[in-house]
Amino acid sequence: MIEDLRTETVLEGSDGSYYTGWEVTRRLRSGAWNPCLRQDDPDRRLVETESGELLLLAPIDPATLPARAEVRLEGEAARVVRTRRRCRRPRNRRYGFPDGQ
C-alpha cells in the first residue's frame, strides 16, 4: 500500500514533538535544520534547529503515537498533527496584598 510507505517513518523529538520522515527531510533540505550527527544502531539523528538548539530524533512505531497526534497525508506530504487542542491554564495573577505589603 503506497500510504504505508509514505507514513512508515515517524520520529520522536527530544522536544516532545513528533515528525514524519518527510518533515525532517524538508527541514534539512530547506536549511531550517542542520544535521550534526547520525547514529546507525540504534538509529538516531542529532540536528541543530534555526534557534541553535540541538534536537535528538529517534524513530518510533507510528502505532505508538499518543492519542493527541496522528499522521495525516496532504498531497505528497505526510505530517504529524495534533488532534486535540492544548488546555490553556488560567494565568496566575497576583492581586494586591490586603494589608498593603
PDB file of N, CA and C in Angstrom:
ATOM      1  N   MET A   1       0.839  -1.172   0.000  1.00  0.00           N
ATOM      2  CA  MET A   1       0.000   0.000   0.000  1.00  0.00           C
ATOM      3  C   MET A   1       0.889   1.242   0.000  1.00  0.00           C
ATOM      4  N   ILE A   2       0.670   2.186  -0.872  1.00  0.00           N
ATOM      5  CA  ILE A   2       1.511   3.366  -1.008  1.00  0.00           C
ATOM      6  C   ILE A   2       1.439   4.249   0.229  1.00  0.00           C
ATOM      7  N   GLU A   3       0.271   4.410   0.830  1.00  0.00           N
ATOM      8  CA  GLU A   3       0.141   5.250   2.018  1.00  0.00           C
ATOM      9  C   GLU A   3       1.040   4.753   3.147  1.00  0.00           C
ATOM     10  N   ASP A   4       1.162   3.443   3.301  1.00  0.00           N
ATOM     11  CA  ASP A   4       2.016   2.896   4.350  1.00  0.00           C
ATOM     12  C   ASP A   4       3.473   3.272   4.122  1.00  0.00           C
ATOM     13  N   LEU A   5       3.912   3.289   2.868  1.00  0.00           N
ATOM     14  CA  LEU A   5       5.294   3.627   2.577  1.00  0.00           C
ATOM     15  C   LEU A   5       5.578   5.089   2.895  1.00  0.00           C
ATOM     16  N   ARG A   6       4.609   5.947   2.677  1.00  0.00           N
ATOM     17  CA  ARG A   6       4.820   7.372   2.901  1.00  0.00           C
ATOM     18  C   ARG A   6       4.745   7.751   4.366  1.00  0.00           C
ATOM     19  N   THR A   7       4.160   6.929   5.192  1.00  0.00           N
ATOM     20  CA  THR A   7       3.985   7.303   6.594  1.00  0.00           C
ATOM     21  C   THR A   7       4.706   6.363   7.551  1.00  0.00           C
ATOM     22  N   GLU A   8       5.522   5.455   7.029  1.00  0.00           N
ATOM     23  CA  GLU A   8       6.121   4.472   7.924  1.00  0.00           C
ATOM     24  C   GLU A   8       7.180   5.059   8.839  1.00  0.00           C
ATOM     25  N   THR A   9       7.799   6.181   8.468  1.00  0.00           N
ATOM     26  CA  THR A   9       8.832   6.765   9.297  1.00  0.00           C
ATOM     27  C   THR A   9       8.253   7.880  10.155  1.00  0.00           C
ATOM     28  N   VAL A  10       8.189   7.640  11.442  1.00  0.00           N
ATOM     29  CA  VAL A  10       7.784   8.663  12.404  1.00  0.00           C
ATOM     30  C   VAL A  10       8.897   8.757  13.432  1.00  0.00           C
ATOM     31  N   LEU A  11       9.316   9.992  13.712  1.00  0.00           N
ATOM     32  CA  LEU A  11      10.409  10.217  14.653  1.00  0.00           C
ATOM     33  C   LEU A  11       9.917  11.013  15.842  1.00  0.00           C
ATOM     34  N   GLU A  12      10.404  10.627  17.014  1.00  0.00           N
ATOM     35  CA  GLU A  12      10.092  11.356  18.232  1.00  0.00           C
ATOM     36  C   GLU A  12      11.260  12.285  18.528  1.00  0.00           C
ATOM     37  N   GLY A  13      10.953  13.558  18.746  1.00  0.00           N
ATOM     38  CA  GLY A  13      11.986  14.532  19.035  1.00  0.00           C
ATOM     39  C   GLY A  13      12.183  14.709  20.529  1.00  0.00           C
ATOM     40  N   SER A  14      13.383  15.113  20.911  1.00  0.00           N
ATOM     41  CA  SER A  14      13.664  15.346  22.322  1.00  0.00           C
ATOM     42  C   SER A  14      12.890  16.544  22.856  1.00  0.00           C
ATOM     43  N   ASP A  15      12.238  17.298  21.962  1.00  0.00           N
ATOM     44  CA  ASP A  15      11.411  18.427  22.369  1.00  0.00           C
ATOM     45  C   ASP A  15       9.971  18.009  22.672  1.00  0.00           C
ATOM     46  N   GLY A  16       9.687  16.701  22.572  1.00  0.00           N
ATOM     47  CA  GLY A  16       8.350  16.198  22.853  1.00  0.00           C
ATOM     48  C   GLY A  16       7.434  16.197  21.647  1.00  0.00           C
ATOM     49  N   SER A  17       7.924  16.628  20.502  1.00  0.00           N
ATOM     50  CA  SER A  17       7.133  16.648  19.273  1.00  0.00           C
ATOM     51  C   SER A  17       7.434  15.410  18.439  1.00  0.00           C
ATOM     52  N   TYR A  18       6.569  15.160  17.462  1.00  0.00           N
ATOM     53  CA  TYR A  18       6.726  14.028  16.564  1.00  0.00           C
ATOM     54  C   TYR A  18       6.799  14.555  15.140  1.00  0.00           C
ATOM     55  N   TYR A  19       7.626  13.899  14.317  1.00  0.00           N
ATOM     56  CA  TYR A  19       7.852  14.325  12.953  1.00  0.00           C
ATOM     57  C   TYR A  19       7.834  13.116  12.029  1.00  0.00           C
ATOM     58  N   THR A  20       7.370  13.310  10.801  1.00  0.00           N
ATOM     59  CA  THR A  20       7.474  12.249   9.801  1.00  0.00           C
ATOM     60  C   THR A  20       8.820  12.388   9.106  1.00  0.00           C
ATOM     61  N   GLY A  21       9.227  11.340   8.417  1.00  0.00           N
ATOM     62  CA  GLY A  21      10.455  11.402   7.646  1.00  0.00           C
ATOM     63  C   GLY A  21      10.402  12.519   6.615  1.00  0.00           C
ATOM     64  N   TRP A  22       9.233  12.757   6.036  1.00  0.00           N
ATOM     65  CA  TRP A  22       9.046  13.822   5.058  1.00  0.00           C
ATOM     66  C   TRP A  22       9.336  15.180   5.690  1.00  0.00           C
ATOM     67  N   GLU A  23       8.813  15.415   6.900  1.00  0.00           N
ATOM     68  CA  GLU A  23       9.027  16.697   7.579  1.00  0.00           C
ATOM     69  C   GLU A  23      10.506  16.927   7.894  1.00  0.00           C
ATOM     70  N   VAL A  24      11.178  15.885   8.345  1.00  0.00           N
ATOM     71  CA  VAL A  24      12.596  16.001   8.676  1.00  0.00           C
ATOM     72  C   VAL A  24      13.399  16.304   7.419  1.00  0.00           C
ATOM     73  N   THR A  25      13.161  15.564   6.348  1.00  0.00           N
ATOM     74  CA  THR A  25      13.873  15.777   5.091  1.00  0.00           C
ATOM     75  C   THR A  25      13.647  17.184   4.574  1.00  0.00           C
ATOM     76  N   ARG A  26      12.421  17.660   4.643  1.00  0.00           N
ATOM     77  CA  ARG A  26      12.105  19.004   4.151  1.00  0.00           C
ATOM     78  C   ARG A  26      12.848  20.077   4.954  1.00  0.00           C
ATOM     79  N   ARG A  27      12.884  19.930   6.267  1.00  0.00           N
ATOM     80  CA  ARG A  27      13.570  20.926   7.101  1.00  0.00           C
ATOM     81  C   ARG A  27      15.080  20.893   6.892  1.00  0.00           C
ATOM     82  N   LEU A  28      15.626  19.701   6.657  1.00  0.00           N
ATOM     83  CA  LEU A  28      17.067  19.599   6.385  1.00  0.00           C
ATOM     84  C   LEU A  28      17.402  20.215   5.027  1.00  0.00           C
ATOM     85  N   ARG A  29      16.589  19.948   4.009  1.00  0.00           N
ATOM     86  CA  ARG A  29      16.845  20.491   2.669  1.00  0.00           C
ATOM     87  C   ARG A  29      16.663  22.002   2.615  1.00  0.00           C
ATOM     88  N   SER A  30      15.709  22.526   3.373  1.00  0.00           N
ATOM     89  CA  SER A  30      15.450  23.975   3.343  1.00  0.00           C
ATOM     90  C   SER A  30      16.469  24.763   4.161  1.00  0.00           C
ATOM     91  N   GLY A  31      17.245  24.066   4.992  1.00  0.00           N
ATOM     92  CA  GLY A  31      18.225  24.739   5.836  1.00  0.00           C
ATOM     93  C   GLY A  31      17.670  25.166   7.184  1.00  0.00           C
ATOM     94  N   ALA A  32      16.393  24.833   7.456  1.00  0.00           N
ATOM     95  CA  ALA A  32      15.809  25.150   8.761  1.00  0.00           C
ATOM     96  C   ALA A  32      16.507  24.361   9.865  1.00  0.00           C
ATOM     97  N   TRP A  33      16.928  23.156   9.532  1.00  0.00           N
ATOM     98  CA  TRP A  33      17.698  22.323  10.447  1.00  0.00           C
ATOM     99  C   TRP A  33      19.023  21.972   9.773  1.00  0.00           C
ATOM    100  N   ASN A  34      20.054  21.848  10.587  1.00  0.00           N
ATOM    101  CA  ASN A  34      21.362  21.417  10.088  1.00  0.00           C
ATOM    102  C   ASN A  34      21.715  20.082  10.734  1.00  0.00           C
ATOM    103  N   PRO A  35      22.117  19.093   9.930  1.00  0.00           N
ATOM    104  CA  PRO A  35      22.489  17.802  10.516  1.00  0.00           C
ATOM    105  C   PRO A  35      23.783  17.922  11.308  1.00  0.00           C
ATOM    106  N   CYS A  36      23.823  17.269  12.452  1.00  0.00           N
ATOM    107  CA  CYS A  36      25.031  17.270  13.281  1.00  0.00           C
ATOM    108  C   CYS A  36      25.642  15.871  13.323  1.00  0.00           C
ATOM    109  N   LEU A  37      24.863  14.903  13.821  1.00  0.00           N
ATOM    110  CA  LEU A  37      25.342  13.524  13.944  1.00  0.00           C
ATOM    111  C   LEU A  37      24.242  12.559  13.536  1.00  0.00           C
ATOM    112  N   ARG A  38      24.667  11.406  13.051  1.00  0.00           N
ATOM    113  CA  ARG A  38      23.722  10.338  12.764  1.00  0.00           C
ATOM    114  C   ARG A  38      24.307   9.038  13.282  1.00  0.00           C
ATOM    115  N   GLN A  39      23.492   8.301  14.028  1.00  0.00           N
ATOM    116  CA  GLN A  39      23.911   7.022  14.585  1.00  0.00           C
ATOM    117  C   GLN A  39      23.077   5.936  13.917  1.00  0.00           C
ATOM    118  N   ASP A  40      23.718   4.812  13.585  1.00  0.00           N
ATOM    119  CA  ASP A  40      23.004   3.736  12.903  1.00  0.00           C
ATOM    120  C   ASP A  40      22.351   2.733  13.849  1.00  0.00           C
ATOM    121  N   ASP A  41      23.010   2.385  14.935  1.00  0.00           N
ATOM    122  CA  ASP A  41      22.459   1.349  15.810  1.00  0.00           C
ATOM    123  C   ASP A  41      22.557   1.774  17.269  1.00  0.00           C
ATOM    124  N   PRO A  42      21.516   2.256  17.895  1.00  0.00           N
ATOM    125  CA  PRO A  42      20.164   2.464  17.360  1.00  0.00           C
ATOM    126  C   PRO A  42      20.139   3.693  16.450  1.00  0.00           C
ATOM    127  N   ASP A  43      19.182   3.705  15.547  1.00  0.00           N
ATOM    128  CA  ASP A  43      19.041   4.765  14.563  1.00  0.00           C
ATOM    129  C   ASP A  43      18.584   6.050  15.248  1.00  0.00           C
ATOM    130  N   ARG A  44      19.449   7.054  15.251  1.00  0.00           N
ATOM    131  CA  ARG A  44      19.112   8.354  15.847  1.00  0.00           C
ATOM    132  C   ARG A  44      19.821   9.450  15.066  1.00  0.00           C
ATOM    133  N   ARG A  45      19.235  10.648  15.101  1.00  0.00           N
ATOM    134  CA  ARG A  45      19.842  11.814  14.461  1.00  0.00           C
ATOM    135  C   ARG A  45      19.888  12.964  15.445  1.00  0.00           C
ATOM    136  N   LEU A  46      20.916  13.752  15.333  1.00  0.00           N
ATOM    137  CA  LEU A  46      21.031  14.977  16.101  1.00  0.00           C
ATOM    138  C   LEU A  46      21.076  16.114  15.087  1.00  0.00           C
ATOM    139  N   VAL A  47      20.162  17.066  15.220  1.00  0.00           N
ATOM    140  CA  VAL A  47      20.107  18.198  14.308  1.00  0.00           C
ATOM    141  C   VAL A  47      20.128  19.499  15.112  1.00  0.00           C
ATOM    142  N   GLU A  48      20.579  20.560  14.452  1.00  0.00           N
ATOM    143  CA  GLU A  48      20.548  21.883  15.050  1.00  0.00           C
ATOM    144  C   GLU A  48      19.393  22.649  14.417  1.00  0.00           C
ATOM    145  N   THR A  49      18.537  23.235  15.237  1.00  0.00           N
ATOM    146  CA  THR A  49      17.387  23.978  14.739  1.00  0.00           C
ATOM    147  C   THR A  49      17.788  25.409  14.393  1.00  0.00           C
ATOM    148  N   GLU A  50      16.866  26.152  13.799  1.00  0.00           N
ATOM    149  CA  GLU A  50      17.137  27.549  13.437  1.00  0.00           C
ATOM    150  C   GLU A  50      17.538  28.397  14.635  1.00  0.00           C
ATOM    151  N   SER A  51      16.986  28.060  15.801  1.00  0.00           N
ATOM    152  CA  SER A  51      17.287  28.836  17.006  1.00  0.00           C
ATOM    153  C   SER A  51      18.604  28.416  17.657  1.00  0.00           C
ATOM    154  N   GLY A  52      19.302  27.434  17.061  1.00  0.00           N
ATOM    155  CA  GLY A  52      20.585  26.995  17.583  1.00  0.00           C
ATOM    156  C   GLY A  52      20.500  25.896  18.620  1.00  0.00           C
ATOM    157  N   GLU A  53      19.295  25.398  18.874  1.00  0.00           N
ATOM    158  CA  GLU A  53      19.124  24.312  19.847  1.00  0.00           C
ATOM    159  C   GLU A  53      19.374  22.972  19.177  1.00  0.00           C
ATOM    160  N   LEU A  54      19.829  22.006  19.959  1.00  0.00           N
ATOM    161  CA  LEU A  54      20.035  20.652  19.451  1.00  0.00           C
ATOM    162  C   LEU A  54      18.785  19.833  19.679  1.00  0.00           C
ATOM    163  N   LEU A  55      18.421  19.041  18.691  1.00  0.00           N
ATOM    164  CA  LEU A  55      17.217  18.213  18.733  1.00  0.00           C
ATOM    165  C   LEU A  55      17.607  16.785  18.377  1.00  0.00           C
ATOM    166  N   LEU A  56      17.324  15.856  19.270  1.00  0.00           N
ATOM    167  CA  LEU A  56      17.596  14.447  19.033  1.00  0.00           C
ATOM    168  C   LEU A  56      16.331  13.799  18.489  1.00  0.00           C
ATOM    169  N   LEU A  57      16.452  13.099  17.370  1.00  0.00           N
ATOM    170  CA  LEU A  57      15.325  12.435  16.714  1.00  0.00           C
ATOM    171  C   LEU A  57      15.550  10.934  16.695  1.00  0.00           C
ATOM    172  N   ALA A  58      14.544  10.181  17.124  1.00  0.00           N
ATOM    173  CA  ALA A  58      14.627   8.720  17.130  1.00  0.00           C
ATOM    174  C   ALA A  58      13.348   8.144  16.540  1.00  0.00           C
ATOM    175  N   PRO A  59      13.466   7.155  15.646  1.00  0.00           N
ATOM    176  CA  PRO A  59      12.270   6.576  15.042  1.00  0.00           C
ATOM    177  C   PRO A  59      11.447   5.790  16.057  1.00  0.00           C
ATOM    178  N   ILE A  60      10.128   5.861  15.872  1.00  0.00           N
ATOM    179  CA  ILE A  60       9.196   5.088  16.697  1.00  0.00           C
ATOM    180  C   ILE A  60       8.196   4.404  15.777  1.00  0.00           C
ATOM    181  N   ASP A  61       7.482   3.443  16.323  1.00  0.00           N
ATOM    182  CA  ASP A  61       6.404   2.792  15.584  1.00  0.00           C
ATOM    183  C   ASP A  61       5.226   3.762  15.544  1.00  0.00           C
ATOM    184  N   PRO A  62       4.699   4.095  14.351  1.00  0.00           N
ATOM    185  CA  PRO A  62       3.580   5.038  14.269  1.00  0.00           C
ATOM    186  C   PRO A  62       2.369   4.634  15.116  1.00  0.00           C
ATOM    187  N   ALA A  63       2.223   3.352  15.393  1.00  0.00           N
ATOM    188  CA  ALA A  63       1.103   2.886  16.210  1.00  0.00           C
ATOM    189  C   ALA A  63       1.241   3.334  17.665  1.00  0.00           C
ATOM    190  N   THR A  64       2.444   3.746  18.059  1.00  0.00           N
ATOM    191  CA  THR A  64       2.656   4.162  19.445  1.00  0.00           C
ATOM    192  C   THR A  64       2.509   5.671  19.645  1.00  0.00           C
ATOM    193  N   LEU A  65       2.082   6.388  18.603  1.00  0.00           N
ATOM    194  CA  LEU A  65       1.837   7.822  18.760  1.00  0.00           C
ATOM    195  C   LEU A  65       0.779   8.036  19.835  1.00  0.00           C
ATOM    196  N   PRO A  66       0.920   9.081  20.644  1.00  0.00           N
ATOM    197  CA  PRO A  66      -0.109   9.343  21.658  1.00  0.00           C
ATOM    198  C   PRO A  66      -1.432   9.721  20.997  1.00  0.00           C
ATOM    199  N   ALA A  67      -2.510   9.620  21.752  1.00  0.00           N
ATOM    200  CA  ALA A  67      -3.847   9.897  21.216  1.00  0.00           C
ATOM    201  C   ALA A  67      -3.971  11.323  20.699  1.00  0.00           C
ATOM    202  N   ARG A  68      -3.138  12.235  21.166  1.00  0.00           N
ATOM    203  CA  ARG A  68      -3.224  13.636  20.761  1.00  0.00           C
ATOM    204  C   ARG A  68      -2.604  13.909  19.393  1.00  0.00           C
ATOM    205  N   ALA A  69      -1.989  12.901  18.774  1.00  0.00           N
ATOM    206  CA  ALA A  69      -1.307  13.099  17.495  1.00  0.00           C
ATOM    207  C   ALA A  69      -1.678  12.003  16.517  1.00  0.00           C
ATOM    208  N   GLU A  70      -1.676  12.374  15.227  1.00  0.00           N
ATOM    209  CA  GLU A  70      -1.901  11.380  14.175  1.00  0.00           C
ATOM    210  C   GLU A  70      -1.170  11.827  12.925  1.00  0.00           C
ATOM    211  N   VAL A  71      -0.884  10.865  12.049  1.00  0.00           N
ATOM    212  CA  VAL A  71      -0.226  11.160  10.782  1.00  0.00           C
ATOM    213  C   VAL A  71      -1.312  11.427   9.757  1.00  0.00           C
ATOM    214  N   ARG A  72      -1.205  12.552   9.072  1.00  0.00           N
ATOM    215  CA  ARG A  72      -2.172  12.910   8.021  1.00  0.00           C
ATOM    216  C   ARG A  72      -1.426  13.110   6.713  1.00  0.00           C
ATOM    217  N   LEU A  73      -2.057  12.662   5.634  1.00  0.00           N
ATOM    218  CA  LEU A  73      -1.497  12.849   4.302  1.00  0.00           C
ATOM    219  C   LEU A  73      -2.129  14.072   3.675  1.00  0.00           C
ATOM    220  N   GLU A  74      -1.300  14.973   3.172  1.00  0.00           N
ATOM    221  CA  GLU A  74      -1.755  16.174   2.489  1.00  0.00           C
ATOM    222  C   GLU A  74      -1.020  16.232   1.162  1.00  0.00           C
ATOM    223  N   GLY A  75      -1.619  15.706   0.119  1.00  0.00           N
ATOM    224  CA  GLY A  75      -0.940  15.627  -1.177  1.00  0.00           C
ATOM    225  C   GLY A  75       0.221  14.669  -1.083  1.00  0.00           C
ATOM    226  N   GLU A  76       1.411  15.152  -1.364  1.00  0.00           N
ATOM    227  CA  GLU A  76       2.616  14.338  -1.284  1.00  0.00           C
ATOM    228  C   GLU A  76       3.237  14.362   0.109  1.00  0.00           C
ATOM    229  N   ALA A  77       2.692  15.169   0.988  1.00  0.00           N
ATOM    230  CA  ALA A  77       3.281  15.354   2.310  1.00  0.00           C
ATOM    231  C   ALA A  77       2.572  14.513   3.362  1.00  0.00           C
ATOM    232  N   ALA A  78       3.350  13.952   4.264  1.00  0.00           N
ATOM    233  CA  ALA A  78       2.820  13.241   5.426  1.00  0.00           C
ATOM    234  C   ALA A  78       3.287  14.008   6.649  1.00  0.00           C
ATOM    235  N   ARG A  79       2.343  14.444   7.468  1.00  0.00           N
ATOM    236  CA  ARG A  79       2.684  15.244   8.641  1.00  0.00           C
ATOM    237  C   ARG A  79       2.053  14.671   9.889  1.00  0.00           C
ATOM    238  N   VAL A  80       2.709  14.908  11.014  1.00  0.00           N
ATOM    239  CA  VAL A  80       2.122  14.568  12.307  1.00  0.00           C
ATOM    240  C   VAL A  80       1.403  15.827  12.783  1.00  0.00           C
ATOM    241  N   VAL A  81       0.112  15.685  13.081  1.00  0.00           N
ATOM    242  CA  VAL A  81      -0.683  16.831  13.525  1.00  0.00           C
ATOM    243  C   VAL A  81      -1.313  16.524  14.874  1.00  0.00           C
ATOM    244  N   ARG A  82      -1.568  17.587  15.629  1.00  0.00           N
ATOM    245  CA  ARG A  82      -2.272  17.457  16.911  1.00  0.00           C
ATOM    246  C   ARG A  82      -3.751  17.269  16.630  1.00  0.00           C
ATOM    247  N   THR A  83      -4.363  16.327  17.327  1.00  0.00           N
ATOM    248  CA  THR A  83      -5.795  16.101  17.153  1.00  0.00           C
ATOM    249  C   THR A  83      -6.603  16.708  18.279  1.00  0.00           C
ATOM    250  N   ARG A  84      -5.941  17.112  19.332  1.00  0.00           N
ATOM    251  CA  ARG A  84      -6.612  17.743  20.467  1.00  0.00           C
ATOM    252  C   ARG A  84      -5.991  19.096  20.714  1.00  0.00           C
ATOM    253  N   ARG A  85      -6.823  20.018  21.127  1.00  0.00           N
ATOM    254  CA  ARG A  85      -6.308  21.334  21.489  1.00  0.00           C
ATOM    255  C   ARG A  85      -5.626  21.265  22.836  1.00  0.00           C
ATOM    256  N   ARG A  86      -4.649  22.120  22.996  1.00  0.00           N
ATOM    257  CA  ARG A  86      -3.996  22.215  24.300  1.00  0.00           C
ATOM    258  C   ARG A  86      -4.941  22.899  25.275  1.00  0.00           C
ATOM    259  N   CYS A  87      -4.939  22.407  26.466  1.00  0.00           N
ATOM    260  CA  CYS A  87      -5.744  23.006  27.518  1.00  0.00           C
ATOM    261  C   CYS A  87      -4.968  24.193  28.073  1.00  0.00           C
ATOM    262  N   ARG A  88      -5.556  25.352  27.961  1.00  0.00           N
ATOM    263  CA  ARG A  88      -4.873  26.536  28.487  1.00  0.00           C
ATOM    264  C   ARG A  88      -5.238  26.716  29.943  1.00  0.00           C
ATOM    265  N   ARG A  89      -4.221  26.883  30.738  1.00  0.00           N
ATOM    266  CA  ARG A  89      -4.430  27.116  32.161  1.00  0.00           C
ATOM    267  C   ARG A  89      -4.562  28.609  32.390  1.00  0.00           C
ATOM    268  N   PRO A  90      -5.451  28.985  33.267  1.00  0.00           N
ATOM    269  CA  PRO A  90      -5.542  30.419  33.554  1.00  0.00           C
ATOM    270  C   PRO A  90      -4.244  30.908  34.185  1.00  0.00           C
ATOM    271  N   ARG A  91      -3.877  32.108  33.821  1.00  0.00           N
ATOM    272  CA  ARG A  91      -2.646  32.666  34.376  1.00  0.00           C
ATOM    273  C   ARG A  91      -2.827  32.966  35.850  1.00  0.00           C
ATOM    274  N   ASN A  92      -1.769  32.757  36.575  1.00  0.00           N
ATOM    275  CA  ASN A  92      -1.790  33.035  37.999  1.00  0.00           C
ATOM    276  C   ASN A  92      -1.542  34.532  38.185  1.00  0.00           C
ATOM    277  N   ARG A  93      -2.604  35.261  38.412  1.00  0.00           N
ATOM    278  CA  ARG A  93      -2.476  36.702  38.564  1.00  0.00           C
ATOM    279  C   ARG A  93      -2.367  37.054  40.030  1.00  0.00           C
ATOM    280  N   ARG A  94      -1.445  37.918  40.307  1.00  0.00           N
ATOM    281  CA  ARG A  94      -1.275  38.373  41.687  1.00  0.00           C
ATOM    282  C   ARG A  94      -2.028  39.685  41.843  1.00  0.00           C
ATOM    283  N   TYR A  95      -2.903  39.698  42.763  1.00  0.00           N
ATOM    284  CA  TYR A  95      -3.613  40.925  43.098  1.00  0.00           C
ATOM    285  C   TYR A  95      -2.946  41.513  44.326  1.00  0.00           C
ATOM    286  N   GLY A  96      -3.204  42.764  44.584  1.00  0.00           N
ATOM    287  CA  GLY A  96      -2.568  43.447  45.702  1.00  0.00           C
ATOM    288  C   GLY A  96      -2.812  42.771  47.036  1.00  0.00           C
ATOM    289  N   PHE A  97      -1.841  42.876  47.904  1.00  0.00           N
ATOM    290  CA  PHE A  97      -1.986  42.315  49.234  1.00  0.00           C
ATOM    291  C   PHE A  97      -2.969  43.173  50.024  1.00  0.00           C
ATOM    292  N   PRO A  98      -3.843  42.552  50.811  1.00  0.00           N
ATOM    293  CA  PRO A  98      -4.849  43.323  51.547  1.00  0.00           C
ATOM    294  C   PRO A  98      -4.258  44.253  52.596  1.00  0.00           C
ATOM    295  N   ASP A  99      -3.083  43.897  53.136  1.00  0.00           N
ATOM    296  CA  ASP A  99      -2.517  44.753  54.181  1.00  0.00           C
ATOM    297  C   ASP A  99      -1.441  45.694  53.633  1.00  0.00           C
ATOM    298  N   GLY A 100      -1.384  45.874  52.325  1.00  0.00           N
ATOM    299  CA  GLY A 100      -0.504  46.841  51.709  1.00  0.00           C
ATOM    300  C   GLY A 100       0.971  46.464  51.638  1.00  0.00           C
ATOM    301  N   GLN A 101       1.317  45.195  51.762  1.00  0.00           N
ATOM    302  CA  GLN A 101       2.723  44.765  51.725  1.00  0.00           C
ATOM    303  C   GLN A 101       3.347  44.975  50.388  1.00  0.00           C
TER     304      GLN A 101
END
